[in-house]
Amino acid sequence: MYIYGKNAAKESLAKEEVKEAFLYENFHDKNLLDKLINKKIKINYLSKKQLDKLEKGNHQGIVLKVNDYEYAPLQEIMENEIIVMLDHLEDPHNFGAIIRTCEAAGVKSIIIPKDRSVKVTSAVIKVSVGAISNVKIAEVNNLVDTIKKLKKDNYWVIGTDMQGTDFKEIDYTGKIVIVIGNEGKGLSRLVKENCDFIASIPMSGQVNSLNASVATALVIYEAVRNR
């Protein structure tokens, strides 16, 4: 896979094998250039048009070819007391922002479904600003089956929805799973039915919902604060 942007490149050069580098012909970041040369990574200099074809995002003049992202097994995810589960999230920018929030708050585990869901892509890695290196992400075949397995391991499952208990009144002690719904549809019916609690963020303005990554950040920090 390809990753792009200076921050993502710095993180990759520090923590994983980089197979090849593609740089804008006028790229002048000496620090990154030195790292690429010291690691003896093949460097290809391209025109801006060529680089834009390779990666459409804001690449900042650098694109690296790296190994495909390796998802963690569910058992590793269950080593942590707070897990974030994404119920068929679709926007890579939301996903990247959630990864960044999790890392900042000390939450190390995320679960996503294999089908009909955003994956770890170059855009997700860019938005996470390197945080993805410190968070484990698992892909599972079925969210409901996974929730049942987590419950057997004494996790409490807290869904998020517009209709529910004020998120500040939820008990976040013990092992918990925070479930975030799809940007448009929210929680799927069966996932919602298998949650132990539904947390809702009170809205006082004219807008009746929050961006998924913003809502996630509020609930995560409330959970961390009350442990």
C-alpha atoms as a PDB file:
ATOM      1  CA  MET A   1       0.000   0.000   0.000  1.00  0.00           C
ATOM      2  CA  TYR A   2       0.978   3.650  -0.313  1.00  0.00           C
ATOM      3  CA  ILE A   3       1.127   6.210   2.462  1.00  0.00           C
ATOM      4  CA  TYR A   4       1.621   9.910   1.952  1.00  0.00           C
ATOM      5  CA  GLY A   5       2.415  13.141   3.769  1.00  0.00           C
ATOM      6  CA  LYS A   6       5.452  14.111   5.842  1.00  0.00           C
ATOM      7  CA  ASN A   7       4.117  13.047   9.254  1.00  0.00           C
ATOM      8  CA  ALA A   8       3.010   9.636   8.012  1.00  0.00           C
ATOM      9  CA  ALA A   9       6.361   9.235   6.245  1.00  0.00           C
ATOM     10  CA  LYS A  10       8.342  10.056   9.410  1.00  0.00           C
ATOM     11  CA  GLU A  11       6.322   7.525  11.412  1.00  0.00           C
ATOM     12  CA  SER A  12       6.740   4.814   8.794  1.00  0.00           C
ATOM     13  CA  LEU A  13      10.473   5.375   8.472  1.00  0.00           C
ATOM     14  CA  ALA A  14      10.811   5.010  12.227  1.00  0.00           C
ATOM     15  CA  LYS A  15       8.640   1.927  12.696  1.00  0.00           C
ATOM     16  CA  GLU A  16       8.270  -0.151   9.562  1.00  0.00           C
ATOM     17  CA  GLU A  17       9.931  -1.295   6.378  1.00  0.00           C
ATOM     18  CA  VAL A  18       9.614   1.159   3.506  1.00  0.00           C
ATOM     19  CA  LYS A  19       9.968  -0.514   0.120  1.00  0.00           C
ATOM     20  CA  GLU A  20      10.239   2.521  -2.139  1.00  0.00           C
ATOM     21  CA  ALA A  21       9.909   6.313  -2.089  1.00  0.00           C
ATOM     22  CA  PHE A  22       8.321   8.648  -4.615  1.00  0.00           C
ATOM     23  CA  LEU A  23       9.266  12.297  -4.183  1.00  0.00           C
ATOM     24  CA  TYR A  24       8.370  15.531  -5.911  1.00  0.00           C
ATOM     25  CA  GLU A  25      11.336  16.551  -8.052  1.00  0.00           C
ATOM     26  CA  ASN A  26      11.782  19.725  -5.963  1.00  0.00           C
ATOM     27  CA  PHE A  27      11.412  17.994  -2.579  1.00  0.00           C
ATOM     28  CA  HIS A  28      13.751  19.696  -0.090  1.00  0.00           C
ATOM     29  CA  ASP A  29      13.032  18.186   3.340  1.00  0.00           C
ATOM     30  CA  LYS A  30      16.623  17.321   4.310  1.00  0.00           C
ATOM     31  CA  ASN A  31      15.594  15.354   7.393  1.00  0.00           C
ATOM     32  CA  LEU A  32      13.390  12.984   5.415  1.00  0.00           C
ATOM     33  CA  LEU A  33      15.855  12.763   2.544  1.00  0.00           C
ATOM     34  CA  ASP A  34      18.660  11.812   4.924  1.00  0.00           C
ATOM     35  CA  LYS A  35      16.526   9.099   6.491  1.00  0.00           C
ATOM     36  CA  LEU A  36      15.646   7.647   3.101  1.00  0.00           C
ATOM     37  CA  ILE A  37      19.290   7.675   2.002  1.00  0.00           C
ATOM     38  CA  ASN A  38      20.545   6.195   5.283  1.00  0.00           C
ATOM     39  CA  LYS A  39      18.058   3.349   5.006  1.00  0.00           C
ATOM     40  CA  LYS A  40      19.129   2.814   1.376  1.00  0.00           C
ATOM     41  CA  ILE A  41      15.561   3.140   0.119  1.00  0.00           C
ATOM     42  CA  LYS A  42      15.114   3.547  -3.603  1.00  0.00           C
ATOM     43  CA  ILE A  43      14.015   7.114  -4.392  1.00  0.00           C
ATOM     44  CA  ASN A  44      12.004   7.995  -7.508  1.00  0.00           C
ATOM     45  CA  TYR A  45      11.727  11.687  -8.377  1.00  0.00           C
ATOM     46  CA  LEU A  46       8.481  12.592 -10.097  1.00  0.00           C
ATOM     47  CA  SER A  47       6.775  15.675 -11.461  1.00  0.00           C
ATOM     48  CA  LYS A  48       3.835  17.064  -9.498  1.00  0.00           C
ATOM     49  CA  LYS A  49       1.459  15.683 -12.139  1.00  0.00           C
ATOM     50  CA  GLN A  50       2.977  12.204 -11.850  1.00  0.00           C
ATOM     51  CA  LEU A  51       2.866  12.308  -8.046  1.00  0.00           C
ATOM     52  CA  ASP A  52      -0.759  13.481  -8.081  1.00  0.00           C
ATOM     53  CA  LYS A  53      -1.650  10.471 -10.249  1.00  0.00           C
ATOM     54  CA  LEU A  54       0.056   8.160  -7.785  1.00  0.00           C
ATOM     55  CA  GLU A  55      -1.793   9.558  -4.753  1.00  0.00           C
ATOM     56  CA  LYS A  56      -4.623  12.089  -4.941  1.00  0.00           C
ATOM     57  CA  GLY A  57      -4.455  13.223  -1.312  1.00  0.00           C
ATOM     58  CA  ASN A  58      -2.368  16.089   0.079  1.00  0.00           C
ATOM     59  CA  HIS A  59       0.914  14.195  -0.265  1.00  0.00           C
ATOM     60  CA  GLN A  60       3.208  17.170   0.514  1.00  0.00           C
ATOM     61  CA  GLY A  61       5.617  15.901  -2.110  1.00  0.00           C
ATOM     62  CA  ILE A  62       6.247  12.456  -0.603  1.00  0.00           C
ATOM     63  CA  VAL A  63       4.628   9.056  -1.141  1.00  0.00           C
ATOM     64  CA  LEU A  64       6.050   5.833   0.309  1.00  0.00           C
ATOM     65  CA  LYS A  65       5.328   2.261  -0.675  1.00  0.00           C
ATOM     66  CA  VAL A  66       5.016   0.131   2.472  1.00  0.00           C
ATOM     67  CA  ASN A  67       3.678  -3.269   3.474  1.00  0.00           C
ATOM     68  CA  ASP A  68      -0.108  -3.578   3.659  1.00  0.00           C
ATOM     69  CA  TYR A  69      -1.551  -2.774   7.081  1.00  0.00           C
ATOM     70  CA  GLU A  70      -1.683  -5.791   9.380  1.00  0.00           C
ATOM     71  CA  TYR A  71      -4.866  -6.040  11.433  1.00  0.00           C
ATOM     72  CA  ALA A  72      -4.561  -7.386  14.955  1.00  0.00           C
ATOM     73  CA  PRO A  73      -6.296 -10.585  16.099  1.00  0.00           C
ATOM     74  CA  LEU A  74      -9.346 -10.018  18.297  1.00  0.00           C
ATOM     75  CA  GLN A  75      -7.610 -11.625  21.266  1.00  0.00           C
ATOM     76  CA  GLU A  76      -4.990  -8.857  21.278  1.00  0.00           C
ATOM     77  CA  ILE A  77      -7.721  -6.229  21.153  1.00  0.00           C
ATOM     78  CA  MET A  78      -9.307  -7.800  24.237  1.00  0.00           C
ATOM     79  CA  GLU A  79      -6.160  -7.188  26.279  1.00  0.00           C
ATOM     80  CA  ASN A  80      -7.352  -3.603  26.898  1.00  0.00           C
ATOM     81  CA  GLU A  81     -10.161  -2.421  29.166  1.00  0.00           C
ATOM     82  CA  ILE A  82     -11.582   0.155  26.744  1.00  0.00           C
ATOM     83  CA  ILE A  83     -12.422  -0.858  23.180  1.00  0.00           C
ATOM     84  CA  VAL A  84     -13.951   1.311  20.462  1.00  0.00           C
ATOM     85  CA  MET A  85     -16.138  -0.517  17.937  1.00  0.00           C
ATOM     86  CA  LEU A  86     -17.147   1.160  14.669  1.00  0.00           C
ATOM     87  CA  ASP A  87     -20.485  -0.009  13.260  1.00  0.00           C
ATOM     88  CA  HIS A  88     -19.899   0.264   9.481  1.00  0.00           C
ATOM     89  CA  LEU A  89     -18.274   3.691   9.449  1.00  0.00           C
ATOM     90  CA  GLU A  90     -17.662   4.859   5.863  1.00  0.00           C
ATOM     91  CA  ASP A  91     -15.630   8.085   5.943  1.00  0.00           C
ATOM     92  CA  PRO A  92     -11.832   7.599   6.055  1.00  0.00           C
ATOM     93  CA  HIS A  93     -11.402  11.063   7.576  1.00  0.00           C
ATOM     94  CA  ASN A  94     -13.711  10.148  10.457  1.00  0.00           C
ATOM     95  CA  PHE A  95     -11.822   6.884  10.922  1.00  0.00           C
ATOM     96  CA  GLY A  96      -8.442   8.609  10.939  1.00  0.00           C
ATOM     97  CA  ALA A  97      -9.662  11.235  13.403  1.00  0.00           C
ATOM     98  CA  ILE A  98     -11.078   8.530  15.710  1.00  0.00           C
ATOM     99  CA  ILE A  99      -7.758   6.669  15.649  1.00  0.00           C
ATOM    100  CA  ARG A 100      -5.995   9.897  16.588  1.00  0.00           C
ATOM    101  CA  THR A 101      -8.433  10.561  19.450  1.00  0.00           C
ATOM    102  CA  CYS A 102      -8.077   7.001  20.751  1.00  0.00           C
ATOM    103  CA  GLU A 103      -4.292   7.243  20.808  1.00  0.00           C
ATOM    104  CA  ALA A 104      -4.364  10.655  22.512  1.00  0.00           C
ATOM    105  CA  ALA A 105      -6.747   9.352  25.189  1.00  0.00           C
ATOM    106  CA  GLY A 106      -4.766   6.165  25.785  1.00  0.00           C
ATOM    107  CA  VAL A 107      -7.333   3.873  24.148  1.00  0.00           C
ATOM    108  CA  LYS A 108      -5.411   1.199  22.248  1.00  0.00           C
ATOM    109  CA  SER A 109      -8.082  -1.032  20.674  1.00  0.00           C
ATOM    110  CA  ILE A 110     -10.498  -0.543  17.771  1.00  0.00           C
ATOM    111  CA  ILE A 111     -12.782  -3.084  16.091  1.00  0.00           C
ATOM    112  CA  ILE A 112     -14.247  -2.704  12.598  1.00  0.00           C
ATOM    113  CA  PRO A 113     -16.326  -5.111  10.464  1.00  0.00           C
ATOM    114  CA  LYS A 114     -14.787  -6.653   7.350  1.00  0.00           C
ATOM    115  CA  ASP A 115     -17.713  -5.819   5.073  1.00  0.00           C
ATOM    116  CA  ARG A 116     -19.334  -2.503   4.178  1.00  0.00           C
ATOM    117  CA  SER A 117     -16.875  -0.514   6.270  1.00  0.00           C
ATOM    118  CA  VAL A 118     -13.983   1.861   5.817  1.00  0.00           C
ATOM    119  CA  LYS A 119     -10.587   0.113   5.879  1.00  0.00           C
ATOM    120  CA  VAL A 120      -7.129   1.296   6.859  1.00  0.00           C
ATOM    121  CA  THR A 121      -6.115   3.253   3.761  1.00  0.00           C
ATOM    122  CA  SER A 122      -3.492   5.850   2.945  1.00  0.00           C
ATOM    123  CA  ALA A 123      -6.048   8.580   3.667  1.00  0.00           C
ATOM    124  CA  VAL A 124      -6.841   7.099   7.091  1.00  0.00           C
ATOM    125  CA  ILE A 125      -3.141   6.879   7.947  1.00  0.00           C
ATOM    126  CA  LYS A 126      -2.587  10.497   6.845  1.00  0.00           C
ATOM    127  CA  VAL A 127      -5.460  11.825   8.981  1.00  0.00           C
ATOM    128  CA  SER A 128      -4.325   9.804  11.999  1.00  0.00           C
ATOM    129  CA  VAL A 129      -1.013  11.738  11.884  1.00  0.00           C
ATOM    130  CA  GLY A 130       1.044   8.726  12.958  1.00  0.00           C
ATOM    131  CA  ALA A 131      -1.292   7.675  15.774  1.00  0.00           C
ATOM    132  CA  ILE A 132      -2.191   4.448  13.974  1.00  0.00           C
ATOM    133  CA  SER A 133       1.206   3.016  14.908  1.00  0.00           C
ATOM    134  CA  ASN A 134       0.159   2.985  18.577  1.00  0.00           C
ATOM    135  CA  VAL A 135      -3.384   1.620  18.195  1.00  0.00           C
ATOM    136  CA  LYS A 136      -4.394  -1.972  17.397  1.00  0.00           C
ATOM    137  CA  ILE A 137      -7.226  -2.449  14.912  1.00  0.00           C
ATOM    138  CA  ALA A 138      -9.062  -5.750  14.412  1.00  0.00           C
ATOM    139  CA  GLU A 139     -11.376  -6.736  11.561  1.00  0.00           C
ATOM    140  CA  VAL A 140     -14.210  -9.114  12.453  1.00  0.00           C
ATOM    141  CA  ASN A 141     -16.756 -11.000  10.365  1.00  0.00           C
ATOM    142  CA  ASN A 142     -19.784 -10.134  12.500  1.00  0.00           C
ATOM    143  CA  LEU A 143     -20.154  -7.326  15.024  1.00  0.00           C
ATOM    144  CA  VAL A 144     -23.029  -8.915  16.947  1.00  0.00           C
ATOM    145  CA  ASP A 145     -21.148 -12.194  17.393  1.00  0.00           C
ATOM    146  CA  THR A 146     -18.122 -10.191  18.533  1.00  0.00           C
ATOM    147  CA  ILE A 147     -20.220  -8.240  21.036  1.00  0.00           C
ATOM    148  CA  LYS A 148     -21.510 -11.510  22.493  1.00  0.00           C
ATOM    149  CA  LYS A 149     -17.951 -12.795  22.799  1.00  0.00           C
ATOM    150  CA  LEU A 150     -16.858  -9.579  24.523  1.00  0.00           C
ATOM    151  CA  LYS A 151     -19.775  -9.808  26.948  1.00  0.00           C
ATOM    152  CA  LYS A 152     -18.681 -13.309  27.924  1.00  0.00           C
ATOM    153  CA  ASP A 153     -15.348 -11.744  28.800  1.00  0.00           C
ATOM    154  CA  ASN A 154     -17.136  -9.274  31.133  1.00  0.00           C
ATOM    155  CA  TYR A 155     -17.229  -6.240  28.866  1.00  0.00           C
ATOM    156  CA  TRP A 156     -20.141  -3.798  29.168  1.00  0.00           C
ATOM    157  CA  VAL A 157     -21.264  -2.561  25.748  1.00  0.00           C
ATOM    158  CA  ILE A 158     -22.186   1.115  25.404  1.00  0.00           C
ATOM    159  CA  GLY A 159     -23.788   2.182  22.146  1.00  0.00           C
ATOM    160  CA  THR A 160     -24.168   5.798  21.032  1.00  0.00           C
ATOM    161  CA  ASP A 161     -27.410   7.176  19.653  1.00  0.00           C
ATOM    162  CA  MET A 162     -29.506  10.352  19.662  1.00  0.00           C
ATOM    163  CA  GLN A 163     -32.054   8.693  21.935  1.00  0.00           C
ATOM    164  CA  GLY A 164     -30.587   7.324  25.150  1.00  0.00           C
ATOM    165  CA  THR A 165     -29.125   8.202  28.540  1.00  0.00           C
ATOM    166  CA  ASP A 166     -27.072  11.380  28.874  1.00  0.00           C
ATOM    167  CA  PHE A 167     -23.515  10.207  28.173  1.00  0.00           C
ATOM    168  CA  LYS A 168     -22.284  11.915  31.359  1.00  0.00           C
ATOM    169  CA  GLU A 169     -24.585   9.710  33.473  1.00  0.00           C
ATOM    170  CA  ILE A 170     -23.274   6.388  32.128  1.00  0.00           C
ATOM    171  CA  ASP A 171     -21.133   4.170  34.372  1.00  0.00           C
ATOM    172  CA  TYR A 172     -17.845   3.691  32.532  1.00  0.00           C
ATOM    173  CA  THR A 173     -16.056   1.606  35.170  1.00  0.00           C
ATOM    174  CA  GLY A 174     -14.886  -1.919  34.399  1.00  0.00           C
ATOM    175  CA  LYS A 175     -14.210  -3.269  30.919  1.00  0.00           C
ATOM    176  CA  ILE A 176     -16.213  -1.411  28.286  1.00  0.00           C
ATOM    177  CA  VAL A 177     -16.867  -1.315  24.553  1.00  0.00           C
ATOM    178  CA  ILE A 178     -17.947   2.024  23.062  1.00  0.00           C
ATOM    179  CA  VAL A 179     -19.892   1.468  19.827  1.00  0.00           C
ATOM    180  CA  ILE A 180     -20.094   4.263  17.247  1.00  0.00           C
ATOM    181  CA  GLY A 181     -22.705   4.040  14.500  1.00  0.00           C
ATOM    182  CA  ASN A 182     -22.595   4.767  10.784  1.00  0.00           C
ATOM    183  CA  GLU A 183     -22.434   8.459   9.808  1.00  0.00           C
ATOM    184  CA  GLY A 184     -25.905   8.446   8.276  1.00  0.00           C
ATOM    185  CA  LYS A 185     -27.800   5.457   9.675  1.00  0.00           C
ATOM    186  CA  GLY A 186     -26.371   5.303  13.190  1.00  0.00           C
ATOM    187  CA  LEU A 187     -26.232   1.959  14.976  1.00  0.00           C
ATOM    188  CA  SER A 188     -27.575  -1.047  13.097  1.00  0.00           C
ATOM    189  CA  ARG A 189     -30.644  -2.617  14.711  1.00  0.00           C
ATOM    190  CA  LEU A 190     -29.053  -5.833  15.956  1.00  0.00           C
ATOM    191  CA  VAL A 191     -25.972  -4.059  17.285  1.00  0.00           C
ATOM    192  CA  LYS A 192     -28.167  -1.590  19.162  1.00  0.00           C
ATOM    193  CA  GLU A 193     -30.295  -4.391  20.618  1.00  0.00           C
ATOM    194  CA  ASN A 194     -27.166  -6.078  21.984  1.00  0.00           C
ATOM    195  CA  CYS A 195     -25.828  -2.969  23.739  1.00  0.00           C
ATOM    196  CA  ASP A 196     -26.137  -2.806  27.532  1.00  0.00           C
ATOM    197  CA  PHE A 197     -26.500   0.991  27.542  1.00  0.00           C
ATOM    198  CA  ILE A 198     -27.200   3.676  24.974  1.00  0.00           C
ATOM    199  CA  ALA A 199     -25.323   6.940  25.515  1.00  0.00           C
ATOM    200  CA  SER A 200     -26.705  10.150  24.061  1.00  0.00           C
ATOM    201  CA  ILE A 201     -25.056  13.561  23.751  1.00  0.00           C
ATOM    202  CA  PRO A 202     -27.542  16.366  24.594  1.00  0.00           C
ATOM    203  CA  MET A 203     -27.946  18.909  21.787  1.00  0.00           C
ATOM    204  CA  SER A 204     -28.929  22.509  22.501  1.00  0.00           C
ATOM    205  CA  GLY A 205     -28.408  24.084  19.073  1.00  0.00           C
ATOM    206  CA  GLN A 206     -30.257  23.865  15.783  1.00  0.00           C
ATOM    207  CA  VAL A 207     -28.063  21.018  14.505  1.00  0.00           C
ATOM    208  CA  ASN A 208     -29.423  17.681  15.746  1.00  0.00           C
ATOM    209  CA  SER A 209     -26.312  15.528  15.383  1.00  0.00           C
ATOM    210  CA  LEU A 210     -22.529  15.626  15.645  1.00  0.00           C
ATOM    211  CA  ASN A 211     -19.836  14.387  13.311  1.00  0.00           C
ATOM    212  CA  ALA A 212     -18.989  10.765  14.202  1.00  0.00           C
ATOM    213  CA  SER A 213     -15.397  11.549  15.181  1.00  0.00           C
ATOM    214  CA  VAL A 214     -16.471  14.478  17.387  1.00  0.00           C
ATOM    215  CA  ALA A 215     -19.112  12.372  19.156  1.00  0.00           C
ATOM    216  CA  THR A 216     -16.563   9.607  19.644  1.00  0.00           C
ATOM    217  CA  ALA A 217     -14.075  12.015  21.198  1.00  0.00           C
ATOM    218  CA  LEU A 218     -16.630  13.304  23.709  1.00  0.00           C
ATOM    219  CA  VAL A 219     -17.657   9.822  24.847  1.00  0.00           C
ATOM    220  CA  ILE A 220     -14.087   8.468  24.971  1.00  0.00           C
ATOM    221  CA  TYR A 221     -12.821  11.312  27.129  1.00  0.00           C
ATOM    222  CA  GLU A 222     -15.838  11.043  29.413  1.00  0.00           C
ATOM    223  CA  ALA A 223     -15.127   7.314  29.805  1.00  0.00           C
ATOM    224  CA  VAL A 224     -11.427   7.878  30.501  1.00  0.00           C
ATOM    225  CA  ARG A 225     -12.166  10.701  32.969  1.00  0.00           C
ATOM    226  CA  ASN A 226     -14.564   8.577  35.019  1.00  0.00           C
ATOM    227  CA  ARG A 227     -12.455   5.467  35.489  1.00  0.00           C
END
